[in-house]
Amino acid sequence: MKPAKGLFQFAAWLIRITMMVFAYTVFFETVKTFDFSALEFYIAAAFSLFTVLLFVGGFLAKPAMTVLSAFFLFGLSVYQLVVLFTQEPNLPMLVFLMSMSMMLMMFSVGNKK
């Protein structure tokens, strides 16, 4: 069976939308506090900013913004995975592992049409 290449654009936009919902759900309360003395605020703000840039990058012809945003989101997801690491797998670890996977894919393909 051949891959459904025609669904790539839909999948890429679904990833972008999913990351927007993910960032809002996980980081909105932290960003809303404006606690400049907490590292969590800066991680949440960076994650939110690069998620918005990833979404906006989908509208641009050149892939630079998408690739750069995906690179930083991949790094932030790795950081969060390391921070949340426990002996037993848990849901937050799985969510950031999936985020890493999605961002690695976006980093590798950019805005491929």
Protein backbone atom coordinates (compact mmCIF):
# COMPACT_ATOMS: atom_id res chain seq x y z
CA MET A 1 0.00 0.00 0.00
CA LYS A 2 1.36 3.44 -0.95
CA PRO A 3 1.49 6.35 1.51
CA ALA A 4 -1.20 9.01 1.20
CA LYS A 5 1.07 11.89 0.19
CA GLY A 6 -1.90 14.14 -0.47
CA LEU A 7 -2.68 14.22 3.25
CA PHE A 8 0.68 15.72 4.21
CA GLN A 9 -0.55 19.33 4.19
CA PHE A 10 -3.56 18.42 6.31
CA ALA A 11 -1.33 16.56 8.77
CA ALA A 12 1.12 19.49 8.99
CA TRP A 13 -1.69 21.93 9.76
CA LEU A 14 -3.19 19.49 12.25
CA ILE A 15 0.18 19.40 14.04
CA ARG A 16 0.31 23.21 14.11
CA ILE A 17 -3.21 23.47 15.51
CA THR A 18 -2.55 20.69 18.02
CA MET A 19 0.57 22.49 19.25
CA MET A 20 -1.43 25.72 19.68
CA VAL A 21 -4.04 23.91 21.79
CA PHE A 22 -1.30 22.08 23.69
CA ALA A 23 0.58 25.29 24.51
CA TYR A 24 -2.61 27.00 25.61
CA THR A 25 -3.70 24.07 27.77
CA VAL A 26 -0.36 23.41 29.43
CA PHE A 27 1.29 26.83 29.63
CA PHE A 28 -1.41 29.53 29.65
CA GLU A 29 -1.79 29.71 33.43
CA THR A 30 1.98 29.95 33.91
CA VAL A 31 2.35 32.70 31.31
CA LYS A 32 -0.63 34.58 32.72
CA THR A 33 1.06 34.96 36.13
CA PHE A 34 3.96 37.04 34.74
CA ASP A 35 6.29 35.69 37.43
CA PHE A 36 9.61 36.91 36.01
CA SER A 37 11.57 35.28 38.83
CA ALA A 38 10.48 31.74 37.92
CA LEU A 39 12.22 29.63 35.27
CA GLU A 40 8.88 27.97 34.51
CA PHE A 41 7.54 31.32 33.29
CA TYR A 42 10.35 31.69 30.75
CA ILE A 43 9.96 28.10 29.54
CA ALA A 44 6.19 28.58 29.18
CA ALA A 45 6.61 31.93 27.44
CA ALA A 46 9.18 30.54 25.01
CA PHE A 47 7.02 27.49 24.29
CA SER A 48 4.00 29.73 23.66
CA LEU A 49 5.94 32.17 21.47
CA PHE A 50 7.54 29.49 19.30
CA THR A 51 4.22 27.69 18.96
CA VAL A 52 2.64 30.86 17.58
CA LEU A 53 5.62 31.33 15.26
CA LEU A 54 5.27 27.72 14.07
CA PHE A 55 1.63 28.41 13.22
CA VAL A 56 2.43 31.69 11.46
CA GLY A 57 5.30 30.02 9.60
CA GLY A 58 2.80 27.77 7.88
CA PHE A 59 1.45 30.79 5.97
CA LEU A 60 4.87 31.82 4.65
CA ALA A 61 6.45 30.61 1.43
CA LYS A 62 9.91 30.13 2.95
CA PRO A 63 10.33 27.47 5.64
CA ALA A 64 12.78 29.40 7.85
CA MET A 65 10.28 30.38 10.56
CA THR A 66 8.77 26.90 10.70
CA VAL A 67 12.16 25.20 10.91
CA LEU A 68 13.53 27.60 13.52
CA SER A 69 10.38 27.36 15.65
CA ALA A 70 10.33 23.57 15.39
CA PHE A 71 13.99 23.45 16.44
CA PHE A 72 13.36 25.51 19.58
CA LEU A 73 10.15 23.65 20.41
CA PHE A 74 12.03 20.36 20.05
CA GLY A 75 14.67 21.61 22.50
CA LEU A 76 12.07 22.87 24.97
CA SER A 77 10.24 19.55 24.75
CA VAL A 78 13.48 17.68 25.47
CA TYR A 79 14.04 19.93 28.48
CA GLN A 80 10.51 19.32 29.78
CA LEU A 81 10.89 15.57 29.23
CA VAL A 82 14.12 15.54 31.25
CA VAL A 83 12.53 17.61 34.04
CA LEU A 84 9.47 15.33 34.17
CA PHE A 85 11.46 12.09 33.87
CA THR A 86 10.58 9.41 36.40
CA GLN A 87 11.23 5.68 36.66
CA GLU A 88 7.69 4.90 35.55
CA PRO A 89 6.32 6.31 32.29
CA ASN A 90 3.56 8.84 32.90
CA LEU A 91 1.23 11.00 30.83
CA PRO A 92 3.19 14.29 30.95
CA MET A 93 6.32 12.46 29.78
CA LEU A 94 4.37 10.89 26.93
CA VAL A 95 2.90 14.23 25.88
CA PHE A 96 6.31 15.89 25.65
CA LEU A 97 7.75 12.85 23.88
CA MET A 98 5.00 13.19 21.27
CA SER A 99 5.70 16.92 21.04
CA MET A 100 9.36 16.12 20.40
CA SER A 101 8.38 13.71 17.64
CA MET A 102 6.09 16.22 15.95
CA MET A 103 8.66 19.01 16.13
CA LEU A 104 11.40 16.77 14.76
CA MET A 105 9.14 16.02 11.80
CA MET A 106 8.37 19.73 11.27
CA PHE A 107 12.09 20.54 11.62
CA SER A 108 12.98 17.98 8.97
CA VAL A 109 10.34 18.94 6.36
CA GLY A 110 9.61 22.61 7.00
CA ASN A 111 6.79 23.91 4.78
CA LYS A 112 7.11 21.21 2.15
CA LYS A 113 4.18 21.38 -0.20
